């Protein structure tokens, strides 16, 4: 798998993770292009960390990943070490996203990317926790990658949908503060 700057990343073998397609990744970074430099990036259900790696390549100053799979966490660390520079900070947290969000307080993030396995119903609970724990910066944005067959996006307490884009069977739903 290759990202911005033609950098090659490691991926997990097997079907344990579903990397974000190049088309969706390019679309997201085109939408957020003016927001990535010097941002604080939170990558939830990170898989191989391709989205955070892309953010680091494009100038994010900080990236944190939360991923349940231990092997995936090792690959994320390797990938992010490869693409980051000494001015960037990154951290990889192994664990359940619903449990690992609260300890991130009082940090806030400018851009948050949520991409759980499509059929696992954690979308609403994670968005509610992001809002409750005030993890999204006042002018921040959240992008949720999902398949509408498995989850229908809706506003949650404190967060409002402001845009949706569909690419094949993948939809990106964007949230901001009310």
Protein backbone atom coordinates (compact mmCIF):
# COMPACT_ATOMS: atom_id res chain seq x y z
CA UNK A 1 0.00 0.00 0.00
CA UNK A 2 1.32 3.44 -0.95
CA UNK A 3 0.44 6.85 0.43
CA UNK A 4 1.29 10.52 -0.16
CA UNK A 5 4.81 10.97 -1.46
CA UNK A 6 4.79 7.41 -2.87
CA UNK A 7 5.68 5.96 0.53
CA UNK A 8 5.07 2.24 0.95
CA UNK A 9 3.37 1.00 4.13
CA UNK A 10 3.12 -2.41 5.73
CA UNK A 11 -0.28 -4.06 5.95
CA UNK A 12 -1.73 -6.91 7.98
CA UNK A 13 -2.11 -10.20 6.21
CA UNK A 14 -5.52 -11.84 6.21
CA UNK A 15 -8.94 -10.30 6.62
CA UNK A 16 -8.59 -8.86 10.14
CA UNK A 17 -8.56 -5.28 8.89
CA UNK A 18 -10.02 -3.45 5.90
CA UNK A 19 -7.71 -0.63 4.81
CA UNK A 20 -9.40 2.53 3.57
CA UNK A 21 -9.36 2.51 -0.22
CA UNK A 22 -7.06 4.89 -2.08
CA UNK A 23 -10.11 6.60 -3.59
CA UNK A 24 -11.72 7.32 -0.21
CA UNK A 25 -8.39 8.33 1.34
CA UNK A 26 -7.69 10.78 -1.49
CA UNK A 27 -11.20 12.22 -1.25
CA UNK A 28 -10.92 12.76 2.50
CA UNK A 29 -7.56 14.49 2.26
CA UNK A 30 -8.83 16.69 -0.58
CA UNK A 31 -11.75 17.74 1.63
CA UNK A 32 -9.50 18.34 4.66
CA UNK A 33 -6.43 19.56 2.75
CA UNK A 34 -6.31 22.99 4.41
CA UNK A 35 -6.81 21.55 7.90
CA UNK A 36 -4.15 18.83 8.17
CA UNK A 37 -0.96 20.88 8.57
CA UNK A 38 -0.14 21.22 12.30
CA UNK A 39 -3.35 19.44 13.30
CA UNK A 40 -3.87 17.03 16.19
CA UNK A 41 -5.13 13.80 14.56
CA UNK A 42 -7.05 11.00 16.32
CA UNK A 43 -7.29 7.74 14.36
CA UNK A 44 -9.92 5.37 15.78
CA UNK A 45 -10.09 1.68 14.83
CA UNK A 46 -6.88 2.34 12.94
CA UNK A 47 -6.21 -0.97 11.17
CA UNK A 48 -2.73 -0.57 9.69
CA UNK A 49 -2.72 3.17 10.45
CA UNK A 50 -2.82 4.33 6.84
CA UNK A 51 -5.01 7.37 7.60
CA UNK A 52 -2.77 8.57 10.43
CA UNK A 53 0.33 7.91 8.33
CA UNK A 54 -1.16 10.01 5.55
CA UNK A 55 -1.93 12.78 8.05
CA UNK A 56 1.65 12.69 9.36
CA UNK A 57 3.02 12.82 5.79
CA UNK A 58 0.85 15.85 5.13
CA UNK A 59 2.09 17.74 8.20
CA UNK A 60 -0.02 16.75 11.22
CA UNK A 61 1.91 17.67 14.35
CA UNK A 62 0.39 14.91 16.49
CA UNK A 63 -1.31 11.60 15.77
CA UNK A 64 -2.84 9.10 18.17
CA UNK A 65 -4.19 5.72 17.08
CA UNK A 66 -6.51 3.41 18.99
CA UNK A 67 -6.63 -0.15 17.67
CA UNK A 68 -7.81 -3.40 19.25
CA UNK A 69 -5.61 -5.82 17.27
CA UNK A 70 -2.10 -6.22 18.80
CA UNK A 71 -0.42 -7.11 15.50
CA UNK A 72 -2.03 -4.10 13.86
CA UNK A 73 -0.66 -1.87 16.65
CA UNK A 74 2.87 -3.09 15.89
CA UNK A 75 2.39 -2.34 12.18
CA UNK A 76 0.97 1.12 12.93
CA UNK A 77 4.05 1.95 15.04
CA UNK A 78 6.37 0.77 12.27
CA UNK A 79 4.46 2.68 9.60
CA UNK A 80 4.28 5.88 11.62
CA UNK A 81 7.96 5.73 12.57
CA UNK A 82 8.76 5.45 8.88
CA UNK A 83 6.76 8.53 7.84
CA UNK A 84 7.12 10.88 10.83
CA UNK A 85 9.86 13.38 11.59
CA UNK A 86 11.36 14.53 14.90
CA UNK A 87 8.91 17.45 15.18
CA UNK A 88 5.88 15.15 15.11
CA UNK A 89 4.48 13.23 18.06
CA UNK A 90 2.61 9.97 17.75
CA UNK A 91 1.20 7.33 20.05
CA UNK A 92 -0.42 3.96 19.42
CA UNK A 93 -2.87 2.70 22.04
CA UNK A 94 -3.97 -0.94 22.06
CA UNK A 95 -7.49 -1.54 23.28
CA UNK A 96 -11.21 -1.14 22.85
CA UNK A 97 -12.01 2.29 21.45
CA UNK A 98 -15.02 2.68 23.77
CA UNK A 99 -12.77 2.21 26.81
CA UNK A 100 -9.66 4.06 25.62
CA UNK A 101 -11.32 7.40 24.78
CA UNK A 102 -11.90 8.67 28.32
CA UNK A 103 -8.20 8.53 29.34
CA UNK A 104 -7.40 10.90 26.44
CA UNK A 105 -9.05 13.77 28.36
CA UNK A 106 -8.30 16.70 28.53
CA UNK A 107 -6.66 16.47 25.09
CA UNK A 108 -8.56 17.78 22.10
CA UNK A 109 -8.16 16.86 18.46
CA UNK A 110 -8.64 18.95 15.34
CA UNK A 111 -9.41 15.99 13.08
CA UNK A 112 -10.80 12.61 14.12
CA UNK A 113 -11.15 9.63 11.80
CA UNK A 114 -13.41 6.73 12.84
CA UNK A 115 -13.32 3.55 10.75
CA UNK A 116 -14.48 0.45 12.66
CA UNK A 117 -15.30 -2.81 10.92
CA UNK A 118 -18.51 -1.99 9.06
CA UNK A 119 -20.68 -4.63 10.74
CA UNK A 120 -19.61 -3.80 14.31
CA UNK A 121 -22.03 -1.35 15.92
CA UNK A 122 -19.76 1.08 17.78
CA UNK A 123 -20.39 4.20 15.70
CA UNK A 124 -22.96 5.95 17.88
CA UNK A 125 -21.33 5.02 21.20
CA UNK A 126 -17.93 6.31 20.04
CA UNK A 127 -19.40 9.57 18.73
CA UNK A 128 -21.27 10.07 22.02
CA UNK A 129 -18.04 9.55 23.99
CA UNK A 130 -16.10 11.97 21.77
CA UNK A 131 -18.75 14.57 22.55
CA UNK A 132 -19.07 13.74 26.28
CA UNK A 133 -15.30 13.77 26.85
CA UNK A 134 -14.87 16.98 24.78
CA UNK A 135 -12.22 15.36 22.57
CA UNK A 136 -13.11 17.37 19.46
CA UNK A 137 -11.58 20.86 19.35
CA UNK A 138 -14.09 23.73 18.96
CA UNK A 139 -13.43 24.06 15.21
CA UNK A 140 -12.62 20.38 14.74
CA UNK A 141 -14.17 17.81 12.44
CA UNK A 142 -14.88 14.10 12.53
CA UNK A 143 -15.05 11.82 9.49
CA UNK A 144 -16.79 8.47 9.91
CA UNK A 145 -16.19 5.82 7.26
CA UNK A 146 -19.11 3.41 7.04
CA UNK A 147 -21.33 1.32 4.83
CA UNK A 148 -24.94 2.58 5.01
CA UNK A 149 -26.21 -1.03 4.92
CA UNK A 150 -24.79 -1.51 8.43
CA UNK A 151 -25.14 1.93 10.04
CA UNK A 152 -27.26 4.98 9.30
CA UNK A 153 -25.56 8.19 10.34
CA UNK A 154 -27.46 10.57 12.59
CA UNK A 155 -26.70 13.57 14.77
CA UNK A 156 -25.62 12.77 18.32
CA UNK A 157 -25.71 14.96 21.41
CA UNK A 158 -23.32 17.85 20.76
CA UNK A 159 -22.32 16.75 17.24
CA UNK A 160 -24.07 17.47 13.95
CA UNK A 161 -23.68 16.02 10.47
CA UNK A 162 -22.56 18.71 8.05
CA UNK A 163 -21.61 16.68 4.96
CA UNK A 164 -21.85 13.20 3.46
CA UNK A 165 -20.02 11.78 0.45
CA UNK A 166 -20.46 8.29 -1.00
CA UNK A 167 -17.84 6.32 -2.92
CA UNK A 168 -19.22 2.95 -4.05
CA UNK A 169 -20.37 1.10 -0.91
CA UNK A 170 -18.41 3.45 1.38
CA UNK A 171 -19.81 6.66 2.83
CA UNK A 172 -17.89 9.37 4.65
CA UNK A 173 -20.07 11.25 7.11
CA UNK A 174 -18.63 14.46 8.54
CA UNK A 175 -19.51 15.79 11.98
CA UNK A 176 -18.81 19.06 13.75
CA UNK A 177 -20.04 20.80 16.88
CA UNK A 178 -23.63 22.04 16.94
